[in-house]
Amino acid sequence: MNNFRVFKHGETLTLLVVLLLVVIGVVFIYSASYHPEKPDPGFWSRQIIWASIGIFLCLVVWSIDYRHFVTGAYFIFGINILLLICVFIFGSKTSGAQRWLKLGFLKIQPSEFFKISMVLFLAKYYSGLPHYKKGYFNYIIVPFLFIGPAILLIMKQPDLGTALVLVPLAFTMAYVAGANPAHIFYTVLTGAACVIPGYFFLKPYQQDRIKVFLNPEFDPMGVGYQAIQSKIAVGSGGIIGKGWLKGTQTQLNFLPERHTDFIYSVIGEEWGFIGAVLVISLFLLVIYSACRIAAESRDEVGRLIASGLAALFLIHVFINAGMAVGIMPITGLPMPFLSYGGSSLLAMLVSIGLLQSIYSRRFMF
């Protein structure tokens, strides 16, 4: 009975905003995959199914005390590492990337769920550190000894976008936990110094994406095509957009991956500047809510989890929107709640369930 009582103490505004974002996602996935002369590929209907499953999982996670997840955080983290390894043994390839595991008729992407397991892992680790052990070694070195191999596995898939999310996420949680900002700054500088030699270890297509980011006109009919078409789509939307199902870059198939990585470009073209700002405003409400839940949490571990999830949403939105307008390199990172994809949607809705669990139980300490 106590498990269901927590639903009375949820953060209603966040739930409504997230549901609105999911609906907007389905609406624009339909538009992105719509063509009057071709069969409907059914992306939007499958997204509704994934959303229904995700909402159910959100409620399940919400009903469980988040401290139970923290208790099993190391085990959950270990299972996720194992799944990342299994990707290389049993995983299926799509467009040259090996990121998915087939479980019967389902296909999941373990790297999406690893983000949540990493937040739980770091929250448990940092909250359990004795005061006298809170130095550079324990705040920075030890956590990266555990999450570093996982990041390398994800990059090997290759999934550079997720890897780029995990690094700032880890530093954010270290800062919230109390790490010396100077230690974080010097570590970031050291990592930045490795960027240039690290470039030569990237896949050729990943190197090309960086070249396109630095020079948008590099190979405009090849690797630069996506970036150019995305900016055309967003720019042509103007202030109020061309209208739903009326985006030329979208409906005439000029914009690749429009139902997944570039769903925000579709919104910019069909809803214009006003619609694009509206969507970002909705995300800012979710991020603000996560920060408020962190501030009002009654314990350190709840504060760390909520802060980590706030950072997760912020990094995702910044990179994906930045890809659409050309201020970030193309990394194949989905927009939370909007992009087509079951694993991403499930992981994000589970994150909302965790936030609700933390918020609801502030009354029950």
Protein backbone atom coordinates (compact mmCIF):
# COMPACT_ATOMS: atom_id res chain seq x y z
CA MET A 1 0.00 0.00 0.00
CA ASN A 2 2.86 2.40 0.82
CA ASN A 3 4.25 1.85 -2.66
CA PHE A 4 1.08 3.24 -4.23
CA ARG A 5 0.74 6.07 -1.73
CA VAL A 6 3.80 7.77 -3.24
CA PHE A 7 1.83 8.54 -6.41
CA LYS A 8 -0.04 11.22 -4.41
CA HIS A 9 3.22 13.09 -3.82
CA GLY A 10 4.57 13.16 -7.36
CA GLU A 11 5.78 16.18 -9.28
CA THR A 12 2.76 16.63 -11.56
CA LEU A 13 4.12 19.39 -13.78
CA THR A 14 7.15 17.31 -14.81
CA LEU A 15 4.93 14.35 -15.68
CA LEU A 16 2.67 16.49 -17.84
CA VAL A 17 5.63 18.11 -19.61
CA VAL A 18 7.25 14.73 -20.32
CA LEU A 19 3.98 13.30 -21.65
CA LEU A 20 3.63 16.37 -23.88
CA LEU A 21 7.16 15.85 -25.21
CA VAL A 22 6.41 12.19 -25.95
CA VAL A 23 3.25 13.20 -27.84
CA ILE A 24 5.19 15.83 -29.80
CA GLY A 25 7.75 13.15 -30.60
CA VAL A 26 5.10 10.78 -32.00
CA VAL A 27 3.52 13.62 -34.03
CA PHE A 28 6.81 14.55 -35.68
CA ILE A 29 7.98 10.96 -36.15
CA TYR A 30 4.78 10.52 -38.15
CA SER A 31 5.62 13.64 -40.17
CA ALA A 32 9.26 12.60 -40.65
CA SER A 33 8.27 9.20 -42.03
CA TYR A 34 5.20 10.35 -43.96
CA HIS A 35 5.05 10.10 -47.73
CA PRO A 36 1.72 10.10 -49.61
CA GLU A 37 2.98 7.72 -52.29
CA LYS A 38 4.80 5.21 -50.07
CA PRO A 39 3.56 2.72 -47.47
CA ASP A 40 3.62 3.96 -43.88
CA PRO A 41 6.77 2.45 -42.26
CA GLY A 42 4.98 2.41 -38.90
CA PHE A 43 7.66 4.24 -36.91
CA TRP A 44 5.08 6.38 -35.12
CA SER A 45 2.90 3.41 -34.13
CA ARG A 46 5.91 1.50 -32.77
CA GLN A 47 6.93 4.61 -30.85
CA ILE A 48 3.50 4.62 -29.19
CA ILE A 49 4.04 1.01 -28.12
CA TRP A 50 7.48 1.84 -26.71
CA ALA A 51 6.02 4.89 -24.96
CA SER A 52 3.30 2.77 -23.36
CA ILE A 53 5.89 0.28 -22.08
CA GLY A 54 8.09 3.17 -20.90
CA ILE A 55 5.26 4.84 -18.98
CA PHE A 56 4.50 1.52 -17.27
CA LEU A 57 8.18 1.12 -16.31
CA CYS A 58 8.23 4.73 -15.12
CA LEU A 59 5.35 3.98 -12.74
CA VAL A 60 7.01 0.76 -11.55
CA VAL A 61 10.30 2.55 -10.80
CA TRP A 62 8.40 5.39 -9.13
CA SER A 63 6.60 2.92 -6.83
CA ILE A 64 9.93 1.46 -5.63
CA ASP A 65 12.04 3.29 -3.08
CA TYR A 66 15.03 4.67 -4.99
CA ARG A 67 17.31 3.54 -2.16
CA HIS A 68 16.64 -0.05 -3.22
CA PHE A 69 18.17 0.75 -6.62
CA VAL A 70 21.12 2.34 -4.84
CA THR A 71 21.60 -0.79 -2.75
CA GLY A 72 21.94 -2.83 -5.94
CA ALA A 73 23.76 -0.11 -7.90
CA TYR A 74 27.05 -2.01 -8.22
CA PHE A 75 25.23 -5.14 -9.36
CA ILE A 76 23.17 -3.15 -11.91
CA PHE A 77 26.38 -1.50 -13.14
CA GLY A 78 28.07 -4.89 -13.51
CA ILE A 79 25.12 -6.33 -15.47
CA ASN A 80 25.27 -3.37 -17.83
CA ILE A 81 29.00 -3.88 -18.40
CA LEU A 82 28.27 -7.52 -19.20
CA LEU A 83 25.59 -6.47 -21.70
CA LEU A 84 28.05 -4.10 -23.38
CA ILE A 85 30.47 -7.02 -23.77
CA CYS A 86 27.67 -9.25 -25.11
CA VAL A 87 27.03 -6.68 -27.84
CA PHE A 88 30.36 -7.66 -29.43
CA ILE A 89 29.55 -11.37 -29.19
CA PHE A 90 25.83 -11.59 -29.97
CA GLY A 91 25.01 -8.07 -31.16
CA SER A 92 23.42 -7.19 -34.47
CA LYS A 93 24.83 -4.64 -36.90
CA THR A 94 22.91 -1.74 -38.39
CA SER A 95 24.52 0.82 -40.73
CA GLY A 96 27.98 -0.41 -39.79
CA ALA A 97 27.46 -0.07 -36.03
CA GLN A 98 27.16 -3.01 -33.62
CA ARG A 99 25.15 -1.57 -30.72
CA TRP A 100 22.06 -3.74 -30.33
CA LEU A 101 21.10 -7.03 -28.71
CA LYS A 102 18.14 -9.04 -29.94
CA LEU A 103 15.93 -10.45 -27.20
CA GLY A 104 13.24 -12.37 -29.03
CA PHE A 105 11.28 -9.87 -31.09
CA LEU A 106 12.84 -6.95 -29.17
CA LYS A 107 16.07 -5.17 -30.00
CA ILE A 108 17.68 -3.14 -27.20
CA GLN A 109 20.68 -0.84 -27.06
CA PRO A 110 22.54 -1.48 -23.76
CA SER A 111 24.49 1.79 -23.93
CA GLU A 112 21.24 3.74 -23.39
CA PHE A 113 20.58 1.93 -20.10
CA PHE A 114 24.23 2.18 -19.08
CA LYS A 115 23.75 5.93 -18.59
CA ILE A 116 21.28 5.30 -15.75
CA SER A 117 23.39 2.54 -14.22
CA MET A 118 26.40 4.89 -14.22
CA VAL A 119 24.39 7.58 -12.42
CA LEU A 120 23.36 5.04 -9.76
CA PHE A 121 26.91 3.68 -9.50
CA LEU A 122 28.50 7.11 -9.00
CA ALA A 123 25.75 8.21 -6.60
CA LYS A 124 26.36 5.21 -4.38
CA TYR A 125 30.14 5.52 -4.62
CA TYR A 126 30.35 9.24 -3.82
CA SER A 127 27.72 9.16 -1.07
CA GLY A 128 29.66 6.37 0.66
CA LEU A 129 33.06 8.11 0.63
CA PRO A 130 34.32 8.99 4.13
CA HIS A 131 35.23 12.66 4.53
CA TYR A 132 38.93 11.96 4.98
CA LYS A 133 39.06 10.12 1.62
CA LYS A 134 37.60 12.98 -0.42
CA GLY A 135 40.63 13.85 -2.53
CA TYR A 136 41.63 13.80 -6.20
CA PHE A 137 42.43 10.09 -6.29
CA ASN A 138 39.08 8.97 -4.87
CA TYR A 139 36.97 11.60 -6.63
CA ILE A 140 38.45 11.37 -10.12
CA ILE A 141 40.85 8.46 -10.60
CA VAL A 142 38.93 5.63 -8.91
CA PRO A 143 35.54 6.31 -10.62
CA PHE A 144 37.19 6.54 -14.04
CA LEU A 145 38.95 3.23 -13.46
CA PHE A 146 35.47 1.69 -13.41
CA ILE A 147 33.61 3.75 -16.00
CA GLY A 148 36.58 4.19 -18.37
CA PRO A 149 36.47 0.60 -19.74
CA ALA A 150 32.73 0.94 -20.34
CA ILE A 151 33.26 4.19 -22.26
CA LEU A 152 35.89 2.44 -24.39
CA LEU A 153 33.48 -0.44 -25.09
CA ILE A 154 30.82 2.04 -26.19
CA MET A 155 33.27 3.90 -28.43
CA LYS A 156 34.27 0.57 -29.97
CA GLN A 157 30.68 -0.18 -31.08
CA PRO A 158 31.12 2.65 -32.34
CA ASP A 159 28.83 5.05 -30.45
CA LEU A 160 30.78 8.27 -30.03
CA GLY A 161 27.66 10.23 -29.10
CA THR A 162 26.96 8.22 -25.95
CA ALA A 163 30.64 8.30 -25.00
CA LEU A 164 30.59 12.10 -25.28
CA VAL A 165 27.62 12.18 -22.89
CA LEU A 166 29.21 9.97 -20.24
CA VAL A 167 32.39 12.00 -19.71
CA PRO A 168 30.76 15.37 -18.80
CA LEU A 169 28.11 13.45 -16.86
CA ALA A 170 30.81 11.86 -14.70
CA PHE A 171 32.53 15.21 -14.09
CA THR A 172 29.21 16.85 -13.20
CA MET A 173 28.46 14.23 -10.58
CA ALA A 174 32.00 14.53 -9.19
CA TYR A 175 31.50 18.29 -8.83
CA VAL A 176 28.10 17.91 -7.13
CA ALA A 177 29.63 15.32 -4.78
CA GLY A 178 32.20 17.87 -3.68
CA ALA A 179 35.26 17.37 -5.87
CA ASN A 180 37.68 20.28 -6.03
CA PRO A 181 36.78 22.30 -9.18
CA ALA A 182 40.50 22.82 -9.85
CA HIS A 183 41.01 19.04 -10.00
CA ILE A 184 38.19 18.73 -12.52
CA PHE A 185 39.54 21.65 -14.56
CA TYR A 186 43.06 20.23 -14.77
CA THR A 187 41.71 16.78 -15.66
CA VAL A 188 39.59 18.26 -18.45
CA LEU A 189 42.63 20.17 -19.74
CA THR A 190 44.64 16.94 -19.75
CA GLY A 191 41.87 15.19 -21.63
CA ALA A 192 41.65 18.07 -24.13
CA ALA A 193 45.38 17.68 -24.78
CA CYS A 194 44.69 14.09 -25.80
CA VAL A 195 42.01 15.08 -28.30
CA ILE A 196 44.42 15.72 -31.19
CA PRO A 197 46.31 12.39 -30.97
CA GLY A 198 42.98 10.68 -30.17
CA TYR A 199 41.60 11.92 -33.49
CA PHE A 200 43.79 9.41 -35.33
CA PHE A 201 42.20 6.50 -33.44
CA LEU A 202 38.70 7.41 -34.64
CA LYS A 203 36.92 5.61 -37.47
CA PRO A 204 37.29 7.35 -40.87
CA TYR A 205 33.62 8.41 -40.90
CA GLN A 206 34.00 9.87 -37.38
CA GLN A 207 37.02 11.86 -38.55
CA ASP A 208 34.95 13.10 -41.49
CA ARG A 209 32.22 14.29 -39.12
CA ILE A 210 34.74 16.40 -37.24
CA LYS A 211 36.01 17.82 -40.55
CA VAL A 212 32.42 18.72 -41.46
CA PHE A 213 31.95 20.41 -38.09
CA LEU A 214 35.07 22.52 -38.64
CA ASN A 215 34.28 23.13 -42.31
CA PRO A 216 30.54 22.71 -43.14
CA GLU A 217 31.24 22.77 -46.88
CA PHE A 218 33.60 19.79 -46.68
CA ASP A 219 32.24 17.17 -49.09
CA PRO A 220 28.72 18.73 -49.36
CA MET A 221 27.30 15.78 -51.31
CA GLY A 222 28.94 13.18 -49.07
CA VAL A 223 29.64 13.28 -45.34
CA GLY A 224 28.67 16.97 -45.14
CA TYR A 225 25.23 16.35 -46.64
CA GLN A 226 23.41 15.71 -43.33
CA ALA A 227 24.74 18.81 -41.63
CA ILE A 228 23.93 21.06 -44.58
CA GLN A 229 20.40 19.69 -45.07
CA SER A 230 19.68 19.99 -41.35
CA LYS A 231 20.65 23.67 -41.29
CA ILE A 232 18.60 24.30 -44.43
CA ALA A 233 15.58 22.64 -42.80
CA VAL A 234 15.87 24.64 -39.57
CA GLY A 235 16.60 27.92 -41.37
CA SER A 236 13.79 27.52 -43.89
CA GLY A 237 11.24 27.14 -41.07
CA GLY A 238 11.44 30.85 -40.33
CA ILE A 239 9.46 32.17 -37.37
CA ILE A 240 6.28 30.10 -37.52
CA GLY A 241 7.35 27.18 -39.72
CA LYS A 242 5.92 25.69 -42.90
CA GLY A 243 3.25 23.68 -41.13
CA TRP A 244 2.94 20.06 -40.07
CA LEU A 245 3.52 17.63 -42.95
CA LYS A 246 4.58 20.56 -45.15
CA GLY A 247 8.34 20.63 -44.58
CA THR A 248 10.05 20.38 -47.95
CA GLN A 249 13.40 19.09 -46.67
CA THR A 250 11.49 16.50 -44.66
CA GLN A 251 8.74 15.44 -47.04
CA LEU A 252 11.00 15.39 -50.12
CA ASN A 253 13.53 13.15 -48.32
CA PHE A 254 16.42 15.60 -48.45
CA LEU A 255 17.05 15.28 -44.69
CA PRO A 256 18.53 11.88 -43.66
CA GLU A 257 17.78 10.22 -40.30
CA ARG A 258 14.98 12.73 -39.76
CA HIS A 259 12.88 10.46 -37.52
CA THR A 260 15.82 9.70 -35.21
CA ASP A 261 18.89 11.93 -34.83
CA PHE A 262 17.42 14.94 -36.68
CA ILE A 263 13.87 15.03 -35.32
CA TYR A 264 14.61 18.50 -33.91
CA SER A 265 15.39 19.71 -37.45
CA VAL A 266 11.93 18.53 -38.55
CA ILE A 267 10.36 20.48 -35.69
CA GLY A 268 12.37 23.56 -36.64
CA GLU A 269 11.24 23.33 -40.26
CA GLU A 270 7.55 22.65 -39.63
CA TRP A 271 6.99 24.66 -36.42
CA GLY A 272 9.65 27.28 -37.02
CA PHE A 273 11.59 29.26 -34.44
CA ILE A 274 8.58 29.45 -32.13
CA GLY A 275 8.13 25.67 -32.08
CA ALA A 276 11.85 25.03 -31.64
CA VAL A 277 11.99 27.42 -28.67
CA LEU A 278 8.82 25.88 -27.21
CA VAL A 279 10.39 22.41 -27.26
CA ILE A 280 13.61 23.67 -25.66
CA SER A 281 11.53 25.46 -23.01
CA LEU A 282 9.75 22.20 -22.18
CA PHE A 283 13.12 20.50 -21.74
CA LEU A 284 14.32 23.33 -19.52
CA LEU A 285 11.27 22.77 -17.30
CA VAL A 286 12.21 19.08 -16.95
CA ILE A 287 15.84 19.97 -16.17
CA TYR A 288 14.78 22.66 -13.68
CA SER A 289 12.46 20.16 -12.00
CA ALA A 290 15.31 17.61 -11.69
CA CYS A 291 17.54 20.30 -10.13
CA ARG A 292 14.78 21.23 -7.68
CA ILE A 293 14.29 17.59 -6.74
CA ALA A 294 18.04 17.38 -6.10
CA ALA A 295 17.91 20.48 -3.90
CA GLU A 296 14.94 19.16 -1.90
CA SER A 297 16.23 15.61 -1.50
CA ARG A 298 16.56 14.49 2.10
CA ASP A 299 19.75 12.49 1.57
CA GLU A 300 23.03 12.76 -0.31
CA VAL A 301 22.44 9.82 -2.63
CA GLY A 302 19.08 11.19 -3.78
CA ARG A 303 20.67 14.57 -4.45
CA LEU A 304 23.40 12.94 -6.55
CA ILE A 305 20.99 10.82 -8.59
CA ALA A 306 18.71 13.77 -9.38
CA SER A 307 21.70 15.98 -10.25
CA GLY A 308 23.11 13.29 -12.52
CA LEU A 309 19.80 12.86 -14.34
CA ALA A 310 19.44 16.64 -14.75
CA ALA A 311 22.91 16.70 -16.32
CA LEU A 312 22.01 13.74 -18.53
CA PHE A 313 18.97 15.55 -19.96
CA LEU A 314 20.88 18.82 -20.40
CA ILE A 315 23.84 17.23 -22.22
CA HIS A 316 21.53 15.25 -24.53
CA VAL A 317 19.44 18.28 -25.47
CA PHE A 318 22.45 20.55 -25.96
CA ILE A 319 24.31 18.10 -28.22
CA ASN A 320 21.28 17.05 -30.29
CA ALA A 321 19.96 20.60 -30.81
CA GLY A 322 23.52 21.72 -31.50
CA MET A 323 23.83 19.04 -34.20
CA ALA A 324 20.67 20.33 -35.86
CA VAL A 325 21.93 23.92 -36.14
CA GLY A 326 25.58 23.10 -36.82
CA ILE A 327 27.24 24.16 -33.57
CA MET A 328 28.03 20.58 -32.54
CA PRO A 329 29.50 17.69 -34.59
CA ILE A 330 27.11 14.98 -35.75
CA THR A 331 27.36 12.12 -33.27
CA GLY A 332 24.14 10.16 -33.73
CA LEU A 333 22.75 11.13 -30.32
CA PRO A 334 18.93 11.00 -29.97
CA MET A 335 16.81 13.82 -28.59
CA PRO A 336 15.20 12.64 -25.31
CA PHE A 337 11.50 11.67 -25.60
CA LEU A 338 11.32 12.92 -29.21
CA SER A 339 13.60 10.74 -31.37
CA TYR A 340 12.38 7.38 -32.61
CA GLY A 341 13.96 4.51 -30.69
CA GLY A 342 12.72 2.14 -28.02
CA SER A 343 15.85 1.91 -25.85
CA SER A 344 16.33 5.67 -25.63
CA LEU A 345 12.68 6.31 -24.80
CA LEU A 346 12.55 3.55 -22.19
CA ALA A 347 15.75 4.77 -20.51
CA MET A 348 14.53 8.36 -20.37
CA LEU A 349 11.13 7.41 -18.94
CA VAL A 350 12.81 5.19 -16.34
CA SER A 351 14.89 8.24 -15.41
CA ILE A 352 11.69 10.20 -14.84
CA GLY A 353 10.45 7.38 -12.62
CA LEU A 354 13.63 7.65 -10.54
CA LEU A 355 13.17 11.40 -10.16
CA GLN A 356 9.57 10.90 -9.06
CA SER A 357 10.66 8.25 -6.56
CA ILE A 358 13.16 10.67 -5.00
CA TYR A 359 10.67 13.55 -4.94
CA SER A 360 7.80 11.53 -3.49
CA ARG A 361 9.84 10.05 -0.67
CA ARG A 362 11.02 13.37 0.69
CA PHE A 363 7.80 13.16 2.76
CA MET A 364 8.57 9.68 4.07
CA PHE A 365 11.95 10.08 5.81
